[in-house]
């Protein structure tokens, strides 16, 4: 076994990064460090992690598009055995409006981190990908070998390109072993209610919009389209609890470090296998919390895919991973976190 024992998390103050750090600290013996420049997150996150786990995490406040500053981290931290690369901009609507921001940040940061992997001989690399790589496809549920459709947004395209880059690196440079985890729709919050999705910019994802509407920060939410060819006309997604996703990263790390991969590059879907419509998600929230949501029906949103949900067989078989949280529990924890934030801010 390699004596190196440090996992570097890029975007550690972000939503999924922070929950993955908690799982790493509570359920493994890895040392954890983070790099996050707080472009869409807050330093408060690490205080919340410490409150939950009793452990401090060192964060380097560095933009990983800055290769010189990123390289310095690897010069200091000699024991990095693996990297989980979360750091990326992720809003589909914003990427349609401002594609340059997404192409520049998401591609450059990936190239820089992979260059450091080669230079400093870090061979275990896990990439935060997305179900958006599949585009609008008719074959459901989606399997890992489902042919990728045309990306519906610049954000989705950066994930398609990112996967291709990593695959090519893994093929050309035999010391890089990599996994792309294609998340479906991460929602919910840590069961403690002490940490959850906390973006600086106004969120465009459904569940934070729901909780912000329920608490009164958003006056009225918009359901973007109810004339899709789905059971109730609204978009269908595969919502998955953020802690389930975090646990999948631990499974993927163990899989890759213990040399269980059949090739240098693997892809796994992370979803529940069940499609839930926007209107069904709203109903679940209202039932669990007894909050009546103020929402209106609006036009379709550019970049949105009609329906997508995951086939979960491969990740269950290879990683030994299965989701535990129900839709109601996702909504319950998201609301608990929203109430906690309101208490902190008052």
C-alpha atoms as a PDB file:
ATOM      1  CA  UNK A   1       0.000   0.000   0.000  1.00  0.00           C
ATOM      2  CA  UNK A   2       1.258   3.483  -0.890  1.00  0.00           C
ATOM      3  CA  UNK A   3       2.450   5.413   2.181  1.00  0.00           C
ATOM      4  CA  UNK A   4       0.897   8.576   0.758  1.00  0.00           C
ATOM      5  CA  UNK A   5      -2.351   9.334   2.532  1.00  0.00           C
ATOM      6  CA  UNK A   6      -3.691  12.758   1.499  1.00  0.00           C
ATOM      7  CA  UNK A   7      -6.756  13.404  -0.643  1.00  0.00           C
ATOM      8  CA  UNK A   8      -6.908  16.797  -2.346  1.00  0.00           C
ATOM      9  CA  UNK A   9     -10.444  18.104  -2.875  1.00  0.00           C
ATOM     10  CA  UNK A  10     -10.823  20.917  -5.402  1.00  0.00           C
ATOM     11  CA  UNK A  11     -13.890  23.006  -4.605  1.00  0.00           C
ATOM     12  CA  UNK A  12     -13.951  21.736  -1.018  1.00  0.00           C
ATOM     13  CA  UNK A  13     -16.141  24.596   0.217  1.00  0.00           C
ATOM     14  CA  UNK A  14     -18.761  23.804  -2.415  1.00  0.00           C
ATOM     15  CA  UNK A  15     -21.936  21.802  -2.002  1.00  0.00           C
ATOM     16  CA  UNK A  16     -20.812  18.284  -2.925  1.00  0.00           C
ATOM     17  CA  UNK A  17     -17.162  18.890  -2.025  1.00  0.00           C
ATOM     18  CA  UNK A  18     -18.008  19.799   1.579  1.00  0.00           C
ATOM     19  CA  UNK A  19     -20.264  16.761   2.082  1.00  0.00           C
ATOM     20  CA  UNK A  20     -17.562  14.505   0.617  1.00  0.00           C
ATOM     21  CA  UNK A  21     -14.996  15.971   3.025  1.00  0.00           C
ATOM     22  CA  UNK A  22     -17.328  15.111   5.933  1.00  0.00           C
ATOM     23  CA  UNK A  23     -17.634  11.487   4.753  1.00  0.00           C
ATOM     24  CA  UNK A  24     -13.853  11.235   4.257  1.00  0.00           C
ATOM     25  CA  UNK A  25     -13.161  12.599   7.744  1.00  0.00           C
ATOM     26  CA  UNK A  26     -15.785  10.465   9.474  1.00  0.00           C
ATOM     27  CA  UNK A  27     -15.415   7.169   7.627  1.00  0.00           C
ATOM     28  CA  UNK A  28     -11.824   6.867   6.348  1.00  0.00           C
ATOM     29  CA  UNK A  29      -8.253   7.343   7.581  1.00  0.00           C
ATOM     30  CA  UNK A  30      -7.306   9.741   4.800  1.00  0.00           C
ATOM     31  CA  UNK A  31      -5.843  13.160   5.504  1.00  0.00           C
ATOM     32  CA  UNK A  32      -7.913  15.771   3.620  1.00  0.00           C
ATOM     33  CA  UNK A  33      -6.890  19.128   2.158  1.00  0.00           C
ATOM     34  CA  UNK A  34      -8.948  21.491   0.030  1.00  0.00           C
ATOM     35  CA  UNK A  35      -8.370  24.134  -2.611  1.00  0.00           C
ATOM     36  CA  UNK A  36     -11.207  26.637  -3.087  1.00  0.00           C
ATOM     37  CA  UNK A  37     -11.066  30.339  -3.990  1.00  0.00           C
ATOM     38  CA  UNK A  38     -14.637  30.974  -2.714  1.00  0.00           C
ATOM     39  CA  UNK A  39     -15.855  32.208  -6.121  1.00  0.00           C
ATOM     40  CA  UNK A  40     -19.245  30.614  -5.391  1.00  0.00           C
ATOM     41  CA  UNK A  41     -18.824  29.420  -1.800  1.00  0.00           C
ATOM     42  CA  UNK A  42     -17.859  30.635   1.664  1.00  0.00           C
ATOM     43  CA  UNK A  43     -15.081  30.086   4.194  1.00  0.00           C
ATOM     44  CA  UNK A  44     -17.855  29.476   6.760  1.00  0.00           C
ATOM     45  CA  UNK A  45     -18.213  26.000   5.239  1.00  0.00           C
ATOM     46  CA  UNK A  46     -15.042  24.796   6.951  1.00  0.00           C
ATOM     47  CA  UNK A  47     -16.318  25.959  10.351  1.00  0.00           C
ATOM     48  CA  UNK A  48     -19.473  23.932   9.689  1.00  0.00           C
ATOM     49  CA  UNK A  49     -17.400  20.874   8.734  1.00  0.00           C
ATOM     50  CA  UNK A  50     -15.410  21.257  11.959  1.00  0.00           C
ATOM     51  CA  UNK A  51     -18.620  21.527  14.005  1.00  0.00           C
ATOM     52  CA  UNK A  52     -19.918  18.261  12.507  1.00  0.00           C
ATOM     53  CA  UNK A  53     -16.679  16.233  12.488  1.00  0.00           C
ATOM     54  CA  UNK A  54     -14.564  17.870  15.212  1.00  0.00           C
ATOM     55  CA  UNK A  55     -11.738  18.152  12.639  1.00  0.00           C
ATOM     56  CA  UNK A  56     -10.161  21.141  10.921  1.00  0.00           C
ATOM     57  CA  UNK A  57      -9.510  21.072   7.188  1.00  0.00           C
ATOM     58  CA  UNK A  58      -6.775  23.188   5.645  1.00  0.00           C
ATOM     59  CA  UNK A  59      -7.979  25.078   2.567  1.00  0.00           C
ATOM     60  CA  UNK A  60      -5.704  26.771   0.055  1.00  0.00           C
ATOM     61  CA  UNK A  61      -7.517  29.874  -1.207  1.00  0.00           C
ATOM     62  CA  UNK A  62      -6.260  29.520  -4.762  1.00  0.00           C
ATOM     63  CA  UNK A  63      -7.854  29.804  -8.201  1.00  0.00           C
ATOM     64  CA  UNK A  64      -6.793  26.581  -9.894  1.00  0.00           C
ATOM     65  CA  UNK A  65      -6.816  28.352 -13.258  1.00  0.00           C
ATOM     66  CA  UNK A  66      -3.623  29.946 -11.874  1.00  0.00           C
ATOM     67  CA  UNK A  67      -1.104  27.206 -12.664  1.00  0.00           C
ATOM     68  CA  UNK A  68       1.752  28.796 -10.675  1.00  0.00           C
ATOM     69  CA  UNK A  69      -0.283  29.002  -7.458  1.00  0.00           C
ATOM     70  CA  UNK A  70      -1.721  25.519  -7.944  1.00  0.00           C
ATOM     71  CA  UNK A  71       1.756  24.033  -8.495  1.00  0.00           C
ATOM     72  CA  UNK A  72       2.916  25.528  -5.175  1.00  0.00           C
ATOM     73  CA  UNK A  73       0.291  23.418  -3.351  1.00  0.00           C
ATOM     74  CA  UNK A  74       1.756  20.222  -4.816  1.00  0.00           C
ATOM     75  CA  UNK A  75       5.258  21.368  -3.870  1.00  0.00           C
ATOM     76  CA  UNK A  76       4.119  21.775  -0.245  1.00  0.00           C
ATOM     77  CA  UNK A  77       1.843  18.717  -0.030  1.00  0.00           C
ATOM     78  CA  UNK A  78       4.054  15.726  -0.840  1.00  0.00           C
ATOM     79  CA  UNK A  79       1.642  12.985   0.282  1.00  0.00           C
ATOM     80  CA  UNK A  80      -1.247  13.407  -2.170  1.00  0.00           C
ATOM     81  CA  UNK A  81      -2.455   9.965  -3.210  1.00  0.00           C
ATOM     82  CA  UNK A  82      -5.667  11.061  -4.923  1.00  0.00           C
ATOM     83  CA  UNK A  83      -7.616  14.045  -6.198  1.00  0.00           C
ATOM     84  CA  UNK A  84     -11.368  14.562  -6.350  1.00  0.00           C
ATOM     85  CA  UNK A  85     -11.951  17.400  -8.779  1.00  0.00           C
ATOM     86  CA  UNK A  86     -15.210  19.221  -8.034  1.00  0.00           C
ATOM     87  CA  UNK A  87     -14.188  22.815  -8.781  1.00  0.00           C
ATOM     88  CA  UNK A  88     -16.237  24.080 -11.733  1.00  0.00           C
ATOM     89  CA  UNK A  89     -18.985  26.542 -12.504  1.00  0.00           C
ATOM     90  CA  UNK A  90     -22.246  24.613 -12.802  1.00  0.00           C
ATOM     91  CA  UNK A  91     -25.279  26.766 -13.673  1.00  0.00           C
ATOM     92  CA  UNK A  92     -26.859  25.660 -16.959  1.00  0.00           C
ATOM     93  CA  UNK A  93     -28.736  28.972 -17.586  1.00  0.00           C
ATOM     94  CA  UNK A  94     -25.669  31.093 -16.745  1.00  0.00           C
ATOM     95  CA  UNK A  95     -23.500  29.028 -19.087  1.00  0.00           C
ATOM     96  CA  UNK A  96     -25.918  29.781 -21.949  1.00  0.00           C
ATOM     97  CA  UNK A  97     -25.676  33.528 -21.211  1.00  0.00           C
ATOM     98  CA  UNK A  98     -21.923  33.571 -20.485  1.00  0.00           C
ATOM     99  CA  UNK A  99     -20.219  30.641 -22.257  1.00  0.00           C
ATOM    100  CA  UNK A 100     -16.720  32.190 -22.024  1.00  0.00           C
ATOM    101  CA  UNK A 101     -16.793  32.052 -18.222  1.00  0.00           C
ATOM    102  CA  UNK A 102     -17.591  28.323 -18.344  1.00  0.00           C
ATOM    103  CA  UNK A 103     -15.150  27.308 -21.088  1.00  0.00           C
ATOM    104  CA  UNK A 104     -12.302  29.312 -19.578  1.00  0.00           C
ATOM    105  CA  UNK A 105     -12.760  28.141 -15.982  1.00  0.00           C
ATOM    106  CA  UNK A 106     -13.921  24.548 -16.370  1.00  0.00           C
ATOM    107  CA  UNK A 107     -11.416  23.503 -19.048  1.00  0.00           C
ATOM    108  CA  UNK A 108      -8.340  25.449 -17.855  1.00  0.00           C
ATOM    109  CA  UNK A 109      -8.707  24.298 -14.258  1.00  0.00           C
ATOM    110  CA  UNK A 110      -8.931  20.660 -15.380  1.00  0.00           C
ATOM    111  CA  UNK A 111      -5.848  20.923 -17.618  1.00  0.00           C
ATOM    112  CA  UNK A 112      -3.861  22.528 -14.796  1.00  0.00           C
ATOM    113  CA  UNK A 113      -4.802  19.882 -12.238  1.00  0.00           C
ATOM    114  CA  UNK A 114      -4.000  17.053 -14.676  1.00  0.00           C
ATOM    115  CA  UNK A 115      -0.628  18.630 -15.457  1.00  0.00           C
ATOM    116  CA  UNK A 116       0.115  18.623 -11.718  1.00  0.00           C
ATOM    117  CA  UNK A 117      -0.934  14.943 -11.545  1.00  0.00           C
ATOM    118  CA  UNK A 118       1.680  14.134 -14.185  1.00  0.00           C
ATOM    119  CA  UNK A 119       4.398  16.355 -12.736  1.00  0.00           C
ATOM    120  CA  UNK A 120       3.966  15.176  -9.126  1.00  0.00           C
ATOM    121  CA  UNK A 121       3.007  11.571  -9.895  1.00  0.00           C
ATOM    122  CA  UNK A 122      -0.513  11.630  -8.440  1.00  0.00           C
ATOM    123  CA  UNK A 123      -2.175   8.704 -10.166  1.00  0.00           C
ATOM    124  CA  UNK A 124      -5.693   8.477  -8.694  1.00  0.00           C
ATOM    125  CA  UNK A 125      -8.085  11.040 -10.174  1.00  0.00           C
ATOM    126  CA  UNK A 126     -11.857  11.314  -9.728  1.00  0.00           C
ATOM    127  CA  UNK A 127     -13.777  13.762 -11.896  1.00  0.00           C
ATOM    128  CA  UNK A 128     -17.055  15.383 -10.952  1.00  0.00           C
ATOM    129  CA  UNK A 129     -19.057  14.926 -14.150  1.00  0.00           C
ATOM    130  CA  UNK A 130     -22.755  15.272 -14.856  1.00  0.00           C
ATOM    131  CA  UNK A 131     -25.733  13.582 -16.473  1.00  0.00           C
ATOM    132  CA  UNK A 132     -25.893  16.709 -18.668  1.00  0.00           C
ATOM    133  CA  UNK A 133     -23.288  14.981 -20.892  1.00  0.00           C
ATOM    134  CA  UNK A 134     -26.099  12.779 -22.262  1.00  0.00           C
ATOM    135  CA  UNK A 135     -28.062  15.715 -23.713  1.00  0.00           C
ATOM    136  CA  UNK A 136     -31.664  15.125 -24.818  1.00  0.00           C
ATOM    137  CA  UNK A 137     -32.007  11.409 -25.433  1.00  0.00           C
ATOM    138  CA  UNK A 138     -34.988   9.109 -25.879  1.00  0.00           C
ATOM    139  CA  UNK A 139     -33.376   5.965 -24.416  1.00  0.00           C
ATOM    140  CA  UNK A 140     -34.241   5.845 -20.701  1.00  0.00           C
ATOM    141  CA  UNK A 141     -32.980   4.939 -18.179  1.00  0.00           C
ATOM    142  CA  UNK A 142     -29.538   6.169 -19.146  1.00  0.00           C
ATOM    143  CA  UNK A 143     -26.644   3.684 -19.051  1.00  0.00           C
ATOM    144  CA  UNK A 144     -22.946   4.531 -18.963  1.00  0.00           C
ATOM    145  CA  UNK A 145     -22.547   3.284 -22.542  1.00  0.00           C
ATOM    146  CA  UNK A 146     -25.552   5.263 -23.846  1.00  0.00           C
ATOM    147  CA  UNK A 147     -24.203   7.342 -26.763  1.00  0.00           C
ATOM    148  CA  UNK A 148     -23.856  10.999 -25.763  1.00  0.00           C
ATOM    149  CA  UNK A 149     -26.267  13.376 -27.462  1.00  0.00           C
ATOM    150  CA  UNK A 150     -25.618  16.982 -28.442  1.00  0.00           C
ATOM    151  CA  UNK A 151     -25.003  18.993 -25.296  1.00  0.00           C
ATOM    152  CA  UNK A 152     -27.866  21.359 -24.464  1.00  0.00           C
ATOM    153  CA  UNK A 153     -25.604  23.945 -22.771  1.00  0.00           C
ATOM    154  CA  UNK A 154     -21.995  25.152 -22.625  1.00  0.00           C
ATOM    155  CA  UNK A 155     -21.857  23.777 -19.052  1.00  0.00           C
ATOM    156  CA  UNK A 156     -22.819  20.295 -20.281  1.00  0.00           C
ATOM    157  CA  UNK A 157     -20.296  20.581 -23.102  1.00  0.00           C
ATOM    158  CA  UNK A 158     -17.462  21.383 -20.655  1.00  0.00           C
ATOM    159  CA  UNK A 159     -18.265  18.085 -18.911  1.00  0.00           C
ATOM    160  CA  UNK A 160     -18.249  16.188 -22.224  1.00  0.00           C
ATOM    161  CA  UNK A 161     -14.905  17.767 -23.154  1.00  0.00           C
ATOM    162  CA  UNK A 162     -13.570  17.212 -19.617  1.00  0.00           C
ATOM    163  CA  UNK A 163     -14.322  13.497 -19.783  1.00  0.00           C
ATOM    164  CA  UNK A 164     -12.651  13.232 -23.204  1.00  0.00           C
ATOM    165  CA  UNK A 165      -9.534  15.013 -21.930  1.00  0.00           C
ATOM    166  CA  UNK A 166      -9.273  12.719 -18.880  1.00  0.00           C
ATOM    167  CA  UNK A 167      -9.841   9.608 -20.995  1.00  0.00           C
ATOM    168  CA  UNK A 168      -7.080  10.686 -23.397  1.00  0.00           C
ATOM    169  CA  UNK A 169      -4.674  11.453 -20.530  1.00  0.00           C
ATOM    170  CA  UNK A 170      -5.405   8.086 -18.916  1.00  0.00           C
ATOM    171  CA  UNK A 171      -4.706   6.348 -22.217  1.00  0.00           C
ATOM    172  CA  UNK A 172      -1.515   8.255 -23.014  1.00  0.00           C
ATOM    173  CA  UNK A 173      -0.018   8.464 -19.513  1.00  0.00           C
ATOM    174  CA  UNK A 174      -0.210   5.068 -17.847  1.00  0.00           C
ATOM    175  CA  UNK A 175       0.385   6.479 -14.352  1.00  0.00           C
ATOM    176  CA  UNK A 176      -3.028   8.238 -14.343  1.00  0.00           C
ATOM    177  CA  UNK A 177      -5.987   6.111 -13.226  1.00  0.00           C
ATOM    178  CA  UNK A 178      -9.266   7.993 -13.429  1.00  0.00           C
ATOM    179  CA  UNK A 179     -13.001   7.754 -12.830  1.00  0.00           C
ATOM    180  CA  UNK A 180     -15.719  10.092 -14.091  1.00  0.00           C
ATOM    181  CA  UNK A 181     -18.774  10.135 -11.838  1.00  0.00           C
ATOM    182  CA  UNK A 182     -21.832  11.355 -13.730  1.00  0.00           C
ATOM    183  CA  UNK A 183     -24.160  12.833 -11.110  1.00  0.00           C
ATOM    184  CA  UNK A 184     -27.798  13.185 -11.756  1.00  0.00           C
ATOM    185  CA  UNK A 185     -29.436  15.906  -9.585  1.00  0.00           C
ATOM    186  CA  UNK A 186     -27.844  16.357  -6.140  1.00  0.00           C
ATOM    187  CA  UNK A 187     -30.248  17.731  -3.515  1.00  0.00           C
ATOM    188  CA  UNK A 188     -30.812  17.801   0.232  1.00  0.00           C
ATOM    189  CA  UNK A 189     -28.395  18.544   3.056  1.00  0.00           C
ATOM    190  CA  UNK A 190     -26.437  16.830   5.813  1.00  0.00           C
ATOM    191  CA  UNK A 191     -28.777  15.142   8.308  1.00  0.00           C
ATOM    192  CA  UNK A 192     -27.481  17.455  11.063  1.00  0.00           C
ATOM    193  CA  UNK A 193     -28.968  20.437   9.205  1.00  0.00           C
ATOM    194  CA  UNK A 194     -25.659  22.246   9.815  1.00  0.00           C
ATOM    195  CA  UNK A 195     -24.419  22.218   6.221  1.00  0.00           C
ATOM    196  CA  UNK A 196     -26.062  22.200   2.800  1.00  0.00           C
ATOM    197  CA  UNK A 197     -26.156  24.004  -0.527  1.00  0.00           C
ATOM    198  CA  UNK A 198     -25.032  27.574   0.071  1.00  0.00           C
ATOM    199  CA  UNK A 199     -24.073  29.301  -3.188  1.00  0.00           C
ATOM    200  CA  UNK A 200     -23.125  32.973  -3.174  1.00  0.00           C
ATOM    201  CA  UNK A 201     -24.891  33.497  -6.504  1.00  0.00           C
ATOM    202  CA  UNK A 202     -28.659  33.062  -6.773  1.00  0.00           C
ATOM    203  CA  UNK A 203     -29.272  29.332  -7.332  1.00  0.00           C
ATOM    204  CA  UNK A 204     -30.991  27.998 -10.438  1.00  0.00           C
ATOM    205  CA  UNK A 205     -31.313  24.387  -9.197  1.00  0.00           C
ATOM    206  CA  UNK A 206     -34.824  23.325  -8.222  1.00  0.00           C
ATOM    207  CA  UNK A 207     -34.542  22.411  -4.526  1.00  0.00           C
ATOM    208  CA  UNK A 208     -32.697  25.534  -3.271  1.00  0.00           C
ATOM    209  CA  UNK A 209     -35.191  27.602  -5.270  1.00  0.00           C
ATOM    210  CA  UNK A 210     -38.018  25.696  -3.519  1.00  0.00           C
ATOM    211  CA  UNK A 211     -36.593  26.258  -0.016  1.00  0.00           C
ATOM    212  CA  UNK A 212     -35.785  29.932  -0.674  1.00  0.00           C
ATOM    213  CA  UNK A 213     -39.366  30.425  -1.894  1.00  0.00           C
ATOM    214  CA  UNK A 214     -40.775  28.672   1.175  1.00  0.00           C
ATOM    215  CA  UNK A 215     -38.684  30.871   3.511  1.00  0.00           C
ATOM    216  CA  UNK A 216     -39.696  34.047   1.621  1.00  0.00           C
ATOM    217  CA  UNK A 217     -36.328  34.965   0.040  1.00  0.00           C
ATOM    218  CA  UNK A 218     -37.793  34.298  -3.398  1.00  0.00           C
ATOM    219  CA  UNK A 219     -41.263  35.820  -3.733  1.00  0.00           C
ATOM    220  CA  UNK A 220     -42.525  33.422  -6.350  1.00  0.00           C
ATOM    221  CA  UNK A 221     -40.845  30.489  -8.057  1.00  0.00           C
ATOM    222  CA  UNK A 222     -41.296  29.617 -11.716  1.00  0.00           C
ATOM    223  CA  UNK A 223     -41.863  26.083 -13.002  1.00  0.00           C
ATOM    224  CA  UNK A 224     -40.122  26.248 -16.384  1.00  0.00           C
ATOM    225  CA  UNK A 225     -42.553  24.575 -18.758  1.00  0.00           C
ATOM    226  CA  UNK A 226     -45.446  22.174 -18.258  1.00  0.00           C
ATOM    227  CA  UNK A 227     -45.860  21.200 -21.913  1.00  0.00           C
ATOM    228  CA  UNK A 228     -43.046  18.647 -22.104  1.00  0.00           C
ATOM    229  CA  UNK A 229     -43.969  15.118 -23.235  1.00  0.00           C
ATOM    230  CA  UNK A 230     -43.873  13.826 -19.644  1.00  0.00           C
ATOM    231  CA  UNK A 231     -46.571  12.464 -17.304  1.00  0.00           C
ATOM    232  CA  UNK A 232     -47.477  15.900 -15.902  1.00  0.00           C
ATOM    233  CA  UNK A 233     -45.832  18.138 -18.520  1.00  0.00           C
ATOM    234  CA  UNK A 234     -42.912  19.251 -16.311  1.00  0.00           C
ATOM    235  CA  UNK A 235     -39.260  18.176 -16.665  1.00  0.00           C
ATOM    236  CA  UNK A 236     -38.237  14.844 -15.132  1.00  0.00           C
ATOM    237  CA  UNK A 237     -34.994  14.448 -13.202  1.00  0.00           C
ATOM    238  CA  UNK A 238     -33.279  11.838 -11.050  1.00  0.00           C
ATOM    239  CA  UNK A 239     -32.871  13.580  -7.673  1.00  0.00           C
ATOM    240  CA  UNK A 240     -30.219  12.099  -5.387  1.00  0.00           C
ATOM    241  CA  UNK A 241     -29.271  13.047  -1.838  1.00  0.00           C
ATOM    242  CA  UNK A 242     -25.923  14.834  -1.571  1.00  0.00           C
ATOM    243  CA  UNK A 243     -24.692  12.451   1.165  1.00  0.00           C
ATOM    244  CA  UNK A 244     -25.397   9.470  -1.095  1.00  0.00           C
ATOM    245  CA  UNK A 245     -23.223  11.150  -3.732  1.00  0.00           C
ATOM    246  CA  UNK A 246     -20.496  11.872  -1.151  1.00  0.00           C
ATOM    247  CA  UNK A 247     -20.452   8.200  -0.095  1.00  0.00           C
ATOM    248  CA  UNK A 248     -20.097   7.198  -3.769  1.00  0.00           C
ATOM    249  CA  UNK A 249     -16.848   9.185  -3.893  1.00  0.00           C
ATOM    250  CA  UNK A 250     -15.442   7.169  -0.992  1.00  0.00           C
ATOM    251  CA  UNK A 251     -16.413   3.961  -2.819  1.00  0.00           C
ATOM    252  CA  UNK A 252     -14.818   5.259  -6.033  1.00  0.00           C
ATOM    253  CA  UNK A 253     -11.615   6.214  -4.181  1.00  0.00           C
ATOM    254  CA  UNK A 254     -11.324   2.765  -2.629  1.00  0.00           C
ATOM    255  CA  UNK A 255     -12.066   1.176  -6.016  1.00  0.00           C
ATOM    256  CA  UNK A 256      -9.347   3.131  -7.805  1.00  0.00           C
ATOM    257  CA  UNK A 257      -6.667   3.036  -5.065  1.00  0.00           C
ATOM    258  CA  UNK A 258      -7.150  -0.712  -4.559  1.00  0.00           C
ATOM    259  CA  UNK A 259      -6.581  -1.249  -8.320  1.00  0.00           C
ATOM    260  CA  UNK A 260     -10.011  -2.725  -9.024  1.00  0.00           C
ATOM    261  CA  UNK A 261     -10.392  -0.861 -12.325  1.00  0.00           C
ATOM    262  CA  UNK A 262     -10.464  -2.985 -15.465  1.00  0.00           C
ATOM    263  CA  UNK A 263      -8.914  -0.135 -17.480  1.00  0.00           C
ATOM    264  CA  UNK A 264      -7.295   3.227 -16.722  1.00  0.00           C
ATOM    265  CA  UNK A 265     -10.579   5.109 -17.145  1.00  0.00           C
ATOM    266  CA  UNK A 266     -14.063   4.242 -15.820  1.00  0.00           C
ATOM    267  CA  UNK A 267     -17.448   5.975 -15.910  1.00  0.00           C
ATOM    268  CA  UNK A 268     -20.225   5.513 -13.357  1.00  0.00           C
ATOM    269  CA  UNK A 269     -23.690   7.050 -13.163  1.00  0.00           C
ATOM    270  CA  UNK A 270     -24.774   8.293  -9.741  1.00  0.00           C
ATOM    271  CA  UNK A 271     -28.545   8.348  -9.468  1.00  0.00           C
ATOM    272  CA  UNK A 272     -31.468   6.614  -7.795  1.00  0.00           C
ATOM    273  CA  UNK A 273     -32.828   5.102 -10.991  1.00  0.00           C
ATOM    274  CA  UNK A 274     -36.171   6.868 -10.504  1.00  0.00           C
ATOM    275  CA  UNK A 275     -37.414   9.869 -12.457  1.00  0.00           C
ATOM    276  CA  UNK A 276     -39.254  12.581 -10.522  1.00  0.00           C
ATOM    277  CA  UNK A 277     -41.033  15.518 -12.179  1.00  0.00           C
ATOM    278  CA  UNK A 278     -40.646  19.121 -11.039  1.00  0.00           C
ATOM    279  CA  UNK A 279     -44.291  19.167  -9.924  1.00  0.00           C
ATOM    280  CA  UNK A 280     -43.838  15.892  -8.006  1.00  0.00           C
ATOM    281  CA  UNK A 281     -40.783  17.340  -6.236  1.00  0.00           C
ATOM    282  CA  UNK A 282     -42.823  20.404  -5.234  1.00  0.00           C
ATOM    283  CA  UNK A 283     -45.610  18.151  -3.920  1.00  0.00           C
ATOM    284  CA  UNK A 284     -43.117  16.102  -1.864  1.00  0.00           C
ATOM    285  CA  UNK A 285     -41.718  19.290  -0.298  1.00  0.00           C
ATOM    286  CA  UNK A 286     -45.193  20.603   0.547  1.00  0.00           C
ATOM    287  CA  UNK A 287     -46.222  17.271   2.107  1.00  0.00           C
ATOM    288  CA  UNK A 288     -43.070  16.874   4.237  1.00  0.00           C
ATOM    289  CA  UNK A 289     -42.871  20.468   5.497  1.00  0.00           C
ATOM    290  CA  UNK A 290     -46.528  21.580   5.487  1.00  0.00           C
ATOM    291  CA  UNK A 291     -45.398  24.659   3.552  1.00  0.00           C
ATOM    292  CA  UNK A 292     -47.526  25.835   0.632  1.00  0.00           C
ATOM    293  CA  UNK A 293     -45.275  27.001  -2.190  1.00  0.00           C
ATOM    294  CA  UNK A 294     -46.026  30.102  -4.219  1.00  0.00           C
ATOM    295  CA  UNK A 295     -45.229  29.091  -7.796  1.00  0.00           C
ATOM    296  CA  UNK A 296     -46.339  29.953 -11.315  1.00  0.00           C
ATOM    297  CA  UNK A 297     -45.961  28.162 -14.638  1.00  0.00           C
ATOM    298  CA  UNK A 298     -43.508  29.874 -16.970  1.00  0.00           C
ATOM    299  CA  UNK A 299     -41.955  29.219 -20.384  1.00  0.00           C
ATOM    300  CA  UNK A 300     -39.387  26.496 -21.017  1.00  0.00           C
ATOM    301  CA  UNK A 301     -35.813  27.414 -20.108  1.00  0.00           C
ATOM    302  CA  UNK A 302     -33.071  27.275 -22.730  1.00  0.00           C
ATOM    303  CA  UNK A 303     -30.600  24.459 -22.072  1.00  0.00           C
ATOM    304  CA  UNK A 304     -33.031  22.255 -20.115  1.00  0.00           C
ATOM    305  CA  UNK A 305     -33.343  18.581 -20.981  1.00  0.00           C
ATOM    306  CA  UNK A 306     -36.902  17.144 -21.031  1.00  0.00           C
ATOM    307  CA  UNK A 307     -36.383  13.937 -19.030  1.00  0.00           C
ATOM    308  CA  UNK A 308     -33.427  11.987 -17.703  1.00  0.00           C
ATOM    309  CA  UNK A 309     -32.875   9.340 -15.066  1.00  0.00           C
ATOM    310  CA  UNK A 310     -30.183   6.789 -14.383  1.00  0.00           C
ATOM    311  CA  UNK A 311     -29.629   3.089 -14.776  1.00  0.00           C
ATOM    312  CA  UNK A 312     -27.834   2.247 -11.508  1.00  0.00           C
ATOM    313  CA  UNK A 313     -26.695  -1.346 -12.162  1.00  0.00           C
ATOM    314  CA  UNK A 314     -23.029  -0.666 -12.953  1.00  0.00           C
ATOM    315  CA  UNK A 315     -22.269   1.521  -9.912  1.00  0.00           C
ATOM    316  CA  UNK A 316     -24.104  -0.972  -7.665  1.00  0.00           C
ATOM    317  CA  UNK A 317     -22.155  -3.933  -9.071  1.00  0.00           C
ATOM    318  CA  UNK A 318     -18.670  -2.393  -9.378  1.00  0.00           C
ATOM    319  CA  UNK A 319     -18.597   0.144  -6.539  1.00  0.00           C
ATOM    320  CA  UNK A 320     -20.956  -1.695  -4.181  1.00  0.00           C
ATOM    321  CA  UNK A 321     -22.884   1.570  -3.842  1.00  0.00           C
ATOM    322  CA  UNK A 322     -26.602   2.154  -3.540  1.00  0.00           C
ATOM    323  CA  UNK A 323     -28.619   5.227  -2.558  1.00  0.00           C
ATOM    324  CA  UNK A 324     -30.262   5.291   0.888  1.00  0.00           C
ATOM    325  CA  UNK A 325     -32.236   8.555   1.043  1.00  0.00           C
ATOM    326  CA  UNK A 326     -35.839   8.876  -0.198  1.00  0.00           C
ATOM    327  CA  UNK A 327     -37.247  11.944  -2.002  1.00  0.00           C
ATOM    328  CA  UNK A 328     -39.090  12.994   1.171  1.00  0.00           C
ATOM    329  CA  UNK A 329     -35.837  12.759   3.167  1.00  0.00           C
ATOM    330  CA  UNK A 330     -34.096  14.880   0.541  1.00  0.00           C
ATOM    331  CA  UNK A 331     -36.747  17.578   0.966  1.00  0.00           C
ATOM    332  CA  UNK A 332     -36.786  17.255   4.753  1.00  0.00           C
ATOM    333  CA  UNK A 333     -33.005  17.770   5.092  1.00  0.00           C
ATOM    334  CA  UNK A 334     -32.998  20.636   2.567  1.00  0.00           C
ATOM    335  CA  UNK A 335     -35.689  22.424   4.615  1.00  0.00           C
ATOM    336  CA  UNK A 336     -33.864  21.728   7.903  1.00  0.00           C
ATOM    337  CA  UNK A 337     -30.755  23.371   6.412  1.00  0.00           C
ATOM    338  CA  UNK A 338     -32.756  26.368   5.110  1.00  0.00           C
ATOM    339  CA  UNK A 339     -34.237  26.930   8.596  1.00  0.00           C
ATOM    340  CA  UNK A 340     -30.750  26.670  10.113  1.00  0.00           C
ATOM    341  CA  UNK A 341     -29.444  29.348   7.719  1.00  0.00           C
ATOM    342  CA  UNK A 342     -32.348  31.661   8.554  1.00  0.00           C
ATOM    343  CA  UNK A 343     -31.589  31.206  12.269  1.00  0.00           C
ATOM    344  CA  UNK A 344     -27.891  32.038  11.675  1.00  0.00           C
ATOM    345  CA  UNK A 345     -28.731  35.146   9.652  1.00  0.00           C
ATOM    346  CA  UNK A 346     -31.226  36.620  12.126  1.00  0.00           C
END
